[in-house]
Amino acid sequence: MITKEAERLNQTIKESPEYRNYLTALNRLKENQELYQAMNVFRRRNYELQSYDDGINRYHEINNLGLEFEKVLRNPLVNEFLIAEQILSRKMTRVYEMIADGLELDYSYME
């Protein structure tokens, strides 16, 4: 039963405007491979900076990264994609939270 509901939810997500907008923006961006690759370098480096968990404020490093990739980030195709990605990611985060709401799972082994 759970897997059937998951399949239905998957299909609903695929048909959602958020996902369709994301795919459209992604495909438009991929038409310019050089731009797509440059954006992915930015995304990878941004992710790495934000993933460090050593207590250091990385504001300046992230700001410098934004300045380094300013030309790429100002491109309308990149902007359109990043906005669509952010909207979809927030929606998916909310879906995951709703699925897990009220579930009691034991993660004490991770402490």
Protein backbone atom coordinates (compact mmCIF):
# COMPACT_ATOMS: atom_id res chain seq x y z
CA MET A 1 0.00 0.00 0.00
CA ILE A 2 2.76 2.47 0.91
CA THR A 3 4.64 1.83 -2.33
CA LYS A 4 1.49 2.37 -4.41
CA GLU A 5 0.90 5.70 -2.68
CA ALA A 6 4.55 6.61 -3.26
CA GLU A 7 4.15 5.84 -6.98
CA ARG A 8 1.07 8.08 -7.11
CA LEU A 9 2.88 10.85 -5.29
CA ASN A 10 5.83 10.51 -7.68
CA GLN A 11 3.50 10.91 -10.65
CA THR A 12 1.78 13.89 -9.03
CA ILE A 13 5.14 15.56 -8.51
CA LYS A 14 6.13 14.90 -12.13
CA GLU A 15 2.91 16.56 -13.28
CA SER A 16 3.27 19.56 -10.96
CA PRO A 17 3.95 23.04 -12.34
CA GLU A 18 7.02 23.31 -10.12
CA TYR A 19 8.61 20.21 -11.60
CA ARG A 20 7.62 21.08 -15.17
CA ASN A 21 9.08 24.59 -14.74
CA TYR A 22 12.28 23.08 -13.35
CA LEU A 23 12.65 20.70 -16.31
CA THR A 24 11.90 23.44 -18.83
CA ALA A 25 14.48 25.75 -17.28
CA LEU A 26 17.04 22.93 -17.08
CA ASN A 27 16.56 21.94 -20.71
CA ARG A 28 16.81 25.54 -21.90
CA LEU A 29 20.01 25.98 -19.92
CA LYS A 30 21.52 22.74 -21.25
CA GLU A 31 21.21 24.11 -24.78
CA ASN A 32 24.24 26.23 -23.86
CA GLN A 33 26.67 23.60 -22.53
CA GLU A 34 29.39 26.11 -21.65
CA LEU A 35 26.98 28.13 -19.54
CA TYR A 36 25.52 24.97 -18.00
CA GLN A 37 28.96 23.71 -17.03
CA ALA A 38 29.99 27.08 -15.56
CA MET A 39 26.81 27.17 -13.49
CA ASN A 40 27.50 23.65 -12.23
CA VAL A 41 31.00 24.66 -11.12
CA PHE A 42 29.38 27.47 -9.13
CA ARG A 43 26.75 25.14 -7.67
CA ARG A 44 29.34 22.54 -6.67
CA ARG A 45 31.63 25.08 -5.00
CA ASN A 46 28.70 26.78 -3.28
CA TYR A 47 27.46 23.43 -1.97
CA GLU A 48 30.93 22.55 -0.68
CA LEU A 49 31.26 25.88 1.12
CA GLN A 50 27.84 25.55 2.71
CA SER A 51 28.42 21.93 3.71
CA TYR A 52 31.43 22.57 5.92
CA ASP A 53 30.52 22.07 9.55
CA ASP A 54 33.55 23.42 11.36
CA GLY A 55 31.86 26.38 13.04
CA ILE A 56 33.42 28.98 10.75
CA ASN A 57 31.18 31.63 9.20
CA ARG A 58 31.70 31.28 5.47
CA TYR A 59 29.88 34.49 4.53
CA HIS A 60 32.95 36.08 2.92
CA GLU A 61 33.89 32.96 0.97
CA ILE A 62 30.34 32.56 -0.35
CA ASN A 63 30.18 36.27 -1.16
CA ASN A 64 33.50 36.05 -3.06
CA LEU A 65 32.19 33.03 -4.94
CA GLY A 66 29.15 35.05 -5.99
CA LEU A 67 31.42 37.84 -7.22
CA GLU A 68 33.61 35.38 -9.10
CA PHE A 69 30.58 33.93 -10.89
CA GLU A 70 28.64 37.19 -11.20
CA LYS A 71 28.54 37.05 -15.00
CA VAL A 72 27.17 33.50 -14.96
CA LEU A 73 24.65 34.25 -12.22
CA ARG A 74 23.31 37.30 -14.06
CA ASN A 75 22.48 35.25 -17.12
CA PRO A 76 18.66 35.00 -17.45
CA LEU A 77 18.78 31.25 -18.22
CA VAL A 78 20.85 30.55 -15.10
CA ASN A 79 18.64 32.81 -13.02
CA GLU A 80 15.49 31.12 -14.31
CA PHE A 81 16.90 27.67 -13.54
CA LEU A 82 18.17 28.54 -10.05
CA ILE A 83 14.82 30.04 -9.10
CA ALA A 84 12.93 27.00 -10.45
CA GLU A 85 15.33 24.68 -8.62
CA GLN A 86 14.87 26.57 -5.37
CA ILE A 87 11.08 26.52 -5.65
CA LEU A 88 11.05 22.77 -6.38
CA SER A 89 13.56 22.04 -3.61
CA ARG A 90 11.50 23.93 -1.04
CA LYS A 91 8.36 22.11 -2.15
CA MET A 92 10.11 18.73 -1.93
CA THR A 93 11.47 19.57 1.53
CA ARG A 94 7.94 20.36 2.65
CA VAL A 95 6.68 17.06 1.16
CA TYR A 96 9.40 15.11 2.99
CA GLU A 97 8.52 16.88 6.25
CA MET A 98 4.85 16.08 5.81
CA ILE A 99 5.60 12.41 5.10
CA ALA A 100 7.75 12.11 8.22
CA ASP A 101 5.46 14.15 10.48
CA GLY A 102 4.50 12.12 13.53
CA LEU A 103 6.71 9.14 12.68
CA GLU A 104 8.79 7.94 15.59
CA LEU A 105 12.07 6.55 14.29
CA ASP A 106 15.03 5.65 16.48
CA TYR A 107 18.19 7.47 15.38
CA SER A 108 19.96 7.22 18.72
CA TYR A 109 22.66 5.04 17.16
CA MET A 110 23.91 8.11 15.27
CA GLU A 111 24.85 10.04 18.42
